[in-house]
Amino acid sequence: MTTATECTLWRSSKGSRFPLEYGGIIASHQVVVGEDVLAGLHVSDTDLRRGIELQAKSHLIHLREGYIESGGNPKAVGQLVTASAPALSSLLANLRRLDPAAAERAGITGDLFKEIAGAATTTIADPSPLLARYLGAVERLWQEVDRWRA
């Protein structure tokens, strides 16, 4: 069991150092005993935007780096795409906190997500075109977030 006090959790950073993490803790915590030290606390939209922008850019860099490391091997590309699905899911969940329609505008649809999640088990000979669409959508998503102002 993890315990926290307002002093240790919030005062030192005001939620700005790890906005996505603190936001998740605030949204999903449960008080077992004592007072709710998180009651009334929130992470600012500005800090959330910055955290989401960092998460989106990091995801894009990871995908590009992974493709280079794969050497274009179709099996390795398929595994890269599939292995990235949980991180994409986390990014999309965080994104919905500020703009539920941003992913769709960037081209990350439910169908594309299903393709991404199943890329390692698909029978397509070369998943590189899927990765190219995926990279394009994540880049548009990052650009969308980069334009936000809270």
Foldseek 3Di string as FASTA:
>chain_A
DDDDACVVPDPVQVCQVPVLVVQVCLVDPDDDDDDDRSPPRHRDPQSLLVNLLVLLVVLLVQLVVQCVVVVQQQLSNLVSLQVCLVSVVSSLVSVCVPPNCLLVVLPNDPVLSVCSNCSNVDPDPHCVVSSVSVSSSSVSSSVVSVPDDD
